[in-house]
Amino acid sequence: MAHDRTAEDTSTDDRPDVLPLGRAPRPATGAELAARVRSALVEVVAGDLSEGSVEHLDRLSVSATVDGPDVPTLDVDLSGVVVRPTTSATGTTPTGEPVVPAPDGASTSTAAREDGVLRRVRVDAHPVTVEGVPVDVALEALDVPFRWVEGADGSLGVELVEPDDDAPLLGHVRVAAPQDALVETARRLIEEPLRTMGGLSLSSFDVEIESTGPRSARGAGFARVRKGILSASIHAKAVVEVDAAMVLTVRELSLTSRNPVVAAALLAARRHVEEAQGRRIDLAAELPAGLRLADVRLDVGGSIAVSARFA
């Protein structure tokens, strides 16, 4: 496989961000690459999430092999990591010539690039805990092009090459989480806005989701809100299905209450429900160039699992 090594490019096209990997030259062994990737991932996570929002990063493990500029295998395991997302803004990279962050946080111009191929990358988490929910993740991608980027100061980084229609991304992903944990998290997220909006409390909350086919599911929800001695119930239901053409349709969507006061308060929400009823979303068309959705699977039981294959 031919690999190009180019000197500094002064074009102003938008380019992907560069993940810093220490100092040039590029790693010559899988163990060295794995150590650098792990260090970079820890730094990225620590930088993007506020203090105390991620725990057990010591459990993050990385293994890799190298073959010249190519990386035959890269495996990242997040099992045991606990994440509590925040809404803090993340930094952005200016458009134009990419820069490789120097060790002290400064930036330097690019001196050279070298093409490589990540032949197989796999990310696993069995599980990673997010907002108290244990999420099981298995992701694999094949033949992912990237570039080694050397800074003028001797720093080293990598930038991914975005897939396009001529070289689409190949791989698959599966994400699963216990249904009861998802429902409990939803309850926690709903309770605070209710208290803030009108001093309401959520005395009951229950959601049940079941599979109705390999790419379809039916959901029903019940909630009882209370303020003082007054209470009212709210019922919701929906059916979601994805056809063979990867078009998602929402059917049988409803949001009702027998309490006339609550029913009136739900009028605005019901307008949105009516707009969503029968809505069709072409999942394949919504994806950027280079991502071809070949199949989707939805498996609902004790856990809710979503799988997707790209080809």
Protein backbone atom coordinates (compact mmCIF):
# COMPACT_ATOMS: atom_id res chain seq x y z
CA MET A 1 0.00 0.00 0.00
CA ALA A 2 1.44 3.37 -0.99
CA HIS A 3 1.76 6.09 1.62
CA ASP A 4 2.33 9.74 0.91
CA ARG A 5 4.47 11.97 3.04
CA THR A 6 4.03 15.65 2.27
CA ALA A 7 5.66 18.79 3.48
CA GLU A 8 3.70 21.63 5.05
CA ASP A 9 0.46 22.45 3.24
CA THR A 10 -0.61 26.09 3.37
CA SER A 11 -4.13 25.59 1.99
CA THR A 12 -7.06 27.03 3.96
CA ASP A 13 -9.50 24.13 3.54
CA ASP A 14 -11.27 23.04 6.71
CA ARG A 15 -9.55 20.03 8.23
CA PRO A 16 -10.31 17.70 11.15
CA ASP A 17 -8.92 18.37 14.60
CA VAL A 18 -5.59 16.79 15.46
CA LEU A 19 -5.26 14.42 18.40
CA PRO A 20 -1.84 15.08 20.00
CA LEU A 21 0.35 12.01 20.52
CA GLY A 22 3.47 13.46 22.06
CA ARG A 23 6.68 13.92 20.09
CA ALA A 24 7.80 12.75 16.65
CA PRO A 25 8.72 10.29 15.29
CA ARG A 26 5.58 8.18 15.18
CA PRO A 27 5.48 5.10 17.46
CA ALA A 28 7.36 2.06 16.13
CA THR A 29 5.63 -0.54 18.33
CA GLY A 30 2.05 -1.33 19.26
CA ALA A 31 2.78 -0.93 22.97
CA GLU A 32 4.17 2.59 22.43
CA LEU A 33 1.20 3.61 20.27
CA ALA A 34 -1.27 2.19 22.81
CA ALA A 35 0.37 4.14 25.64
CA ARG A 36 0.25 7.38 23.66
CA VAL A 37 -3.36 6.89 22.58
CA ARG A 38 -4.43 6.09 26.13
CA SER A 39 -2.69 9.18 27.50
CA ALA A 40 -4.31 11.34 24.82
CA LEU A 41 -7.79 9.94 25.48
CA VAL A 42 -7.46 10.52 29.22
CA GLU A 43 -6.38 14.10 28.57
CA VAL A 44 -9.25 14.72 26.15
CA VAL A 45 -11.85 13.33 28.56
CA ALA A 46 -10.40 15.26 31.48
CA GLY A 47 -10.43 18.44 29.39
CA ASP A 48 -13.97 18.07 28.06
CA LEU A 49 -15.61 17.11 31.35
CA SER A 50 -15.53 19.18 34.51
CA GLU A 51 -13.73 17.96 37.61
CA GLY A 52 -15.50 15.06 39.32
CA SER A 53 -17.69 14.26 36.29
CA VAL A 54 -15.70 11.19 35.24
CA GLU A 55 -14.44 8.42 37.49
CA HIS A 56 -12.29 5.29 37.18
CA LEU A 57 -10.35 6.47 34.14
CA ASP A 58 -7.62 4.15 35.38
CA ARG A 59 -9.78 1.32 33.98
CA LEU A 60 -9.49 2.66 30.44
CA SER A 61 -7.31 0.25 28.48
CA VAL A 62 -5.84 0.47 24.97
CA SER A 63 -3.99 -2.09 22.85
CA ALA A 64 -2.61 -1.68 19.34
CA THR A 65 -0.36 -3.08 16.64
CA VAL A 66 1.61 -1.14 14.05
CA ASP A 67 2.87 -1.89 10.54
CA GLY A 68 4.90 1.07 9.33
CA PRO A 69 2.50 4.02 9.08
CA ASP A 70 -0.53 1.69 9.22
CA VAL A 71 -2.30 0.51 12.37
CA PRO A 72 -3.65 -3.04 11.82
CA THR A 73 -5.55 -3.08 15.13
CA LEU A 74 -6.56 -0.55 17.77
CA ASP A 75 -8.72 -1.67 20.69
CA VAL A 76 -10.13 0.70 23.30
CA ASP A 77 -11.97 -0.66 26.36
CA LEU A 78 -13.98 1.74 28.52
CA SER A 79 -15.46 -0.92 30.81
CA GLY A 80 -15.86 0.37 34.35
CA VAL A 81 -15.56 4.08 33.50
CA VAL A 82 -18.27 6.28 35.06
CA VAL A 83 -19.34 9.46 33.25
CA ARG A 84 -21.57 12.25 34.47
CA PRO A 85 -22.04 14.61 31.49
CA THR A 86 -21.98 18.36 31.95
CA THR A 87 -23.25 21.18 29.76
CA SER A 88 -19.94 23.04 29.74
CA ALA A 89 -18.96 24.32 26.32
CA THR A 90 -16.11 22.65 24.53
CA GLY A 91 -13.47 24.45 22.58
CA THR A 92 -13.40 24.53 18.80
CA THR A 93 -10.55 24.54 16.39
CA PRO A 94 -10.34 27.49 13.99
CA THR A 95 -10.77 26.79 10.32
CA GLY A 96 -7.71 26.72 8.12
CA GLU A 97 -4.40 24.91 8.48
CA PRO A 98 -4.62 22.32 11.29
CA VAL A 99 -2.33 22.74 14.23
CA VAL A 100 -0.82 20.17 16.57
CA PRO A 101 -1.17 21.21 20.21
CA ALA A 102 2.23 21.42 21.84
CA PRO A 103 2.80 19.84 25.28
CA ASP A 104 2.42 23.21 27.04
CA GLY A 105 -0.93 23.88 25.37
CA ALA A 106 0.48 26.19 22.73
CA SER A 107 0.00 25.53 19.00
CA THR A 108 2.42 24.99 16.20
CA SER A 109 2.10 24.90 12.42
CA THR A 110 2.13 21.62 10.53
CA ALA A 111 5.47 20.55 9.07
CA ALA A 112 4.55 17.23 7.42
CA ARG A 113 1.83 14.63 7.04
CA GLU A 114 1.95 10.91 6.30
CA ASP A 115 -1.04 8.81 5.25
CA GLY A 116 -1.95 5.68 7.18
CA VAL A 117 -4.83 3.22 7.46
CA LEU A 118 -6.47 2.03 10.64
CA ARG A 119 -7.45 -1.42 9.42
CA ARG A 120 -9.62 -2.31 12.40
CA VAL A 121 -10.61 -0.19 15.37
CA ARG A 122 -12.83 -1.50 18.13
CA VAL A 123 -14.34 0.33 21.10
CA ASP A 124 -15.93 -1.71 23.89
CA ALA A 125 -17.61 -0.87 27.17
CA HIS A 126 -19.14 -3.64 29.26
CA PRO A 127 -20.40 -1.34 30.61
CA VAL A 128 -19.60 2.36 30.82
CA THR A 129 -21.92 4.10 33.30
CA VAL A 130 -23.56 7.33 32.06
CA GLU A 131 -25.92 9.29 34.34
CA GLY A 132 -26.25 6.21 36.50
CA VAL A 133 -27.18 3.98 33.54
CA PRO A 134 -24.87 1.04 32.70
CA VAL A 135 -24.46 1.26 28.91
CA ASP A 136 -23.00 -1.64 26.96
CA VAL A 137 -21.17 -0.53 23.80
CA ALA A 138 -19.53 -2.48 20.99
CA LEU A 139 -18.26 -0.52 17.98
CA GLU A 140 -16.04 -1.69 15.13
CA ALA A 141 -14.85 0.14 12.03
CA LEU A 142 -12.65 -1.12 9.19
CA ASP A 143 -10.09 0.49 6.90
CA VAL A 144 -10.29 3.99 8.37
CA PRO A 145 -7.86 6.39 6.67
CA PHE A 146 -5.93 8.88 8.79
CA ARG A 147 -2.80 11.04 8.67
CA TRP A 148 0.18 11.32 10.94
CA VAL A 149 0.80 15.02 11.47
CA GLU A 150 4.16 16.40 12.57
CA GLY A 151 4.38 19.91 13.96
CA ALA A 152 7.20 22.30 13.12
CA ASP A 153 8.34 22.00 16.75
CA GLY A 154 8.59 18.19 16.56
CA SER A 155 5.21 17.43 18.09
CA LEU A 156 3.15 14.54 16.70
CA GLY A 157 -0.56 14.00 16.21
CA VAL A 158 -3.10 12.20 14.06
CA GLU A 159 -6.09 13.48 12.12
CA LEU A 160 -8.87 11.32 10.74
CA VAL A 161 -9.79 11.60 7.07
CA GLU A 162 -13.54 12.07 6.74
CA PRO A 163 -15.25 9.29 4.76
CA ASP A 164 -16.91 10.13 1.45
CA ASP A 165 -19.07 8.36 -1.12
CA ASP A 166 -15.99 6.92 -2.85
CA ALA A 167 -14.56 5.56 0.42
CA PRO A 168 -17.46 4.98 2.83
CA LEU A 169 -17.05 3.93 6.43
CA LEU A 170 -17.46 0.19 7.02
CA GLY A 171 -18.43 -1.18 10.40
CA HIS A 172 -21.12 -1.69 12.97
CA VAL A 173 -22.20 -0.45 16.40
CA ARG A 174 -24.41 -1.80 19.17
CA VAL A 175 -25.55 0.15 22.23
CA ALA A 176 -27.66 -1.43 24.98
CA ALA A 177 -28.89 -0.40 28.42
CA PRO A 178 -31.28 -1.87 31.02
CA GLN A 179 -34.82 -0.64 30.44
CA ASP A 180 -35.52 -0.07 34.15
CA ALA A 181 -32.37 2.04 34.55
CA LEU A 182 -33.34 4.19 31.56
CA VAL A 183 -36.83 4.71 33.01
CA GLU A 184 -35.43 5.68 36.41
CA THR A 185 -33.05 8.17 34.80
CA ALA A 186 -35.91 9.66 32.77
CA ARG A 187 -37.88 10.07 35.98
CA ARG A 188 -35.00 11.94 37.64
CA LEU A 189 -34.63 14.24 34.64
CA ILE A 190 -38.37 15.03 34.62
CA GLU A 191 -38.81 15.67 38.34
CA GLU A 192 -36.64 18.79 38.56
CA PRO A 193 -38.38 20.73 35.71
CA LEU A 194 -41.76 19.89 37.27
CA ARG A 195 -40.70 21.35 40.61
CA THR A 196 -39.26 24.41 38.91
CA MET A 197 -42.24 25.11 36.67
CA GLY A 198 -45.05 24.88 39.19
CA GLY A 199 -44.08 23.14 42.38
CA LEU A 200 -45.32 19.84 41.02
CA SER A 201 -44.11 16.48 42.23
CA LEU A 202 -44.04 13.23 40.32
CA SER A 203 -45.73 10.60 42.47
CA SER A 204 -45.80 7.86 39.80
CA PHE A 205 -43.87 7.30 36.62
CA ASP A 206 -43.74 4.18 34.54
CA VAL A 207 -42.73 3.39 30.96
CA GLU A 208 -42.94 0.04 29.20
CA ILE A 209 -41.36 -0.62 25.81
CA GLU A 210 -41.67 -3.85 23.85
CA SER A 211 -40.45 -5.08 20.49
CA THR A 212 -43.03 -5.54 17.74
CA GLY A 213 -40.49 -6.65 15.14
CA PRO A 214 -36.76 -6.55 14.37
CA ARG A 215 -36.94 -2.83 13.61
CA SER A 216 -40.03 -1.68 15.51
CA ALA A 217 -41.18 -1.09 19.07
CA ARG A 218 -44.25 0.02 20.99
CA GLY A 219 -44.04 2.20 24.10
CA ALA A 220 -46.60 3.19 26.74
CA GLY A 221 -46.07 5.63 29.59
CA PHE A 222 -47.98 6.65 32.70
CA ALA A 223 -47.26 9.53 35.05
CA ARG A 224 -49.09 11.00 38.02
CA VAL A 225 -48.28 14.55 39.05
CA ARG A 226 -49.25 16.06 42.38
CA LYS A 227 -49.50 19.54 43.87
CA GLY A 228 -50.73 19.61 47.43
CA ILE A 229 -53.83 17.45 47.67
CA LEU A 230 -54.50 17.67 43.92
CA SER A 231 -53.25 15.03 41.51
CA ALA A 232 -53.68 14.12 37.86
CA SER A 233 -52.56 11.33 35.58
CA ILE A 234 -51.04 11.53 32.10
CA HIS A 235 -50.95 8.70 29.57
CA ALA A 236 -48.69 8.49 26.52
CA LYS A 237 -48.11 5.90 23.82
CA ALA A 238 -46.24 5.57 20.54
CA VAL A 239 -45.12 3.06 17.93
CA VAL A 240 -41.80 3.52 16.12
CA GLU A 241 -40.73 1.42 13.16
CA VAL A 242 -37.93 1.43 10.59
CA ASP A 243 -38.62 -0.16 7.21
CA ALA A 244 -36.21 -1.96 4.87
CA ALA A 245 -35.39 1.34 3.16
CA MET A 246 -34.17 2.72 6.52
CA VAL A 247 -37.10 5.15 6.85
CA LEU A 248 -38.32 5.72 10.40
CA THR A 249 -42.04 6.28 10.97
CA VAL A 250 -43.83 7.32 14.18
CA ARG A 251 -47.37 5.98 14.56
CA GLU A 252 -50.14 5.72 17.16
CA LEU A 253 -48.69 8.67 19.05
CA SER A 254 -50.88 10.13 21.80
CA LEU A 255 -50.65 12.20 24.97
CA THR A 256 -53.82 12.39 27.11
CA SER A 257 -55.18 13.14 30.57
CA ARG A 258 -58.64 12.73 32.08
CA ASN A 259 -58.10 15.77 34.25
CA PRO A 260 -59.53 18.77 32.33
CA VAL A 261 -57.01 21.22 33.78
CA VAL A 262 -54.04 19.01 32.85
CA ALA A 263 -55.62 18.22 29.47
CA ALA A 264 -55.80 21.94 28.74
CA ALA A 265 -52.17 22.37 29.83
CA LEU A 266 -51.21 19.61 27.43
CA LEU A 267 -52.76 21.35 24.42
CA ALA A 268 -49.47 22.86 23.26
CA ALA A 269 -47.65 19.55 23.67
CA ARG A 270 -50.45 17.73 21.85
CA ARG A 271 -50.01 20.00 18.84
CA HIS A 272 -46.42 18.80 18.59
CA VAL A 273 -47.65 15.22 19.02
CA GLU A 274 -50.07 15.64 16.13
CA GLU A 275 -47.29 17.05 13.96
CA ALA A 276 -45.08 14.05 14.77
CA GLN A 277 -47.85 11.55 14.08
CA GLY A 278 -47.00 9.69 10.89
CA ARG A 279 -43.77 11.61 10.40
CA ARG A 280 -41.24 9.82 8.20
CA ILE A 281 -37.50 10.29 8.64
CA ASP A 282 -35.10 8.91 6.04
CA LEU A 283 -32.26 7.81 8.33
CA ALA A 284 -29.89 7.07 5.47
CA ALA A 285 -30.46 10.48 3.88
CA GLU A 286 -29.81 12.28 7.19
CA LEU A 287 -26.29 10.87 7.45
CA PRO A 288 -23.28 12.75 6.04
CA ALA A 289 -21.45 11.60 2.93
CA GLY A 290 -19.45 8.44 3.48
CA LEU A 291 -21.88 6.93 5.99
CA ARG A 292 -24.19 4.39 4.34
CA LEU A 293 -26.67 2.87 6.74
CA ALA A 294 -27.21 -0.73 5.62
CA ASP A 295 -29.30 -2.03 8.50
CA VAL A 296 -30.80 -1.14 11.88
CA ARG A 297 -31.99 -3.52 14.58
CA LEU A 298 -33.99 -2.79 17.72
CA ASP A 299 -34.14 -5.40 20.47
CA VAL A 300 -36.30 -4.65 23.51
CA GLY A 301 -36.65 -6.78 26.61
CA GLY A 302 -34.96 -6.36 29.94
CA SER A 303 -32.55 -4.17 27.99
CA ILE A 304 -33.07 -1.81 25.08
CA ALA A 305 -30.47 -2.44 22.37
CA VAL A 306 -29.97 -0.54 19.13
CA SER A 307 -27.65 -1.92 16.44
CA ALA A 308 -26.58 -0.34 13.16
CA ARG A 309 -24.44 -1.60 10.31
CA PHE A 310 -22.62 0.65 7.85
CA ALA A 311 -21.54 -0.70 4.44
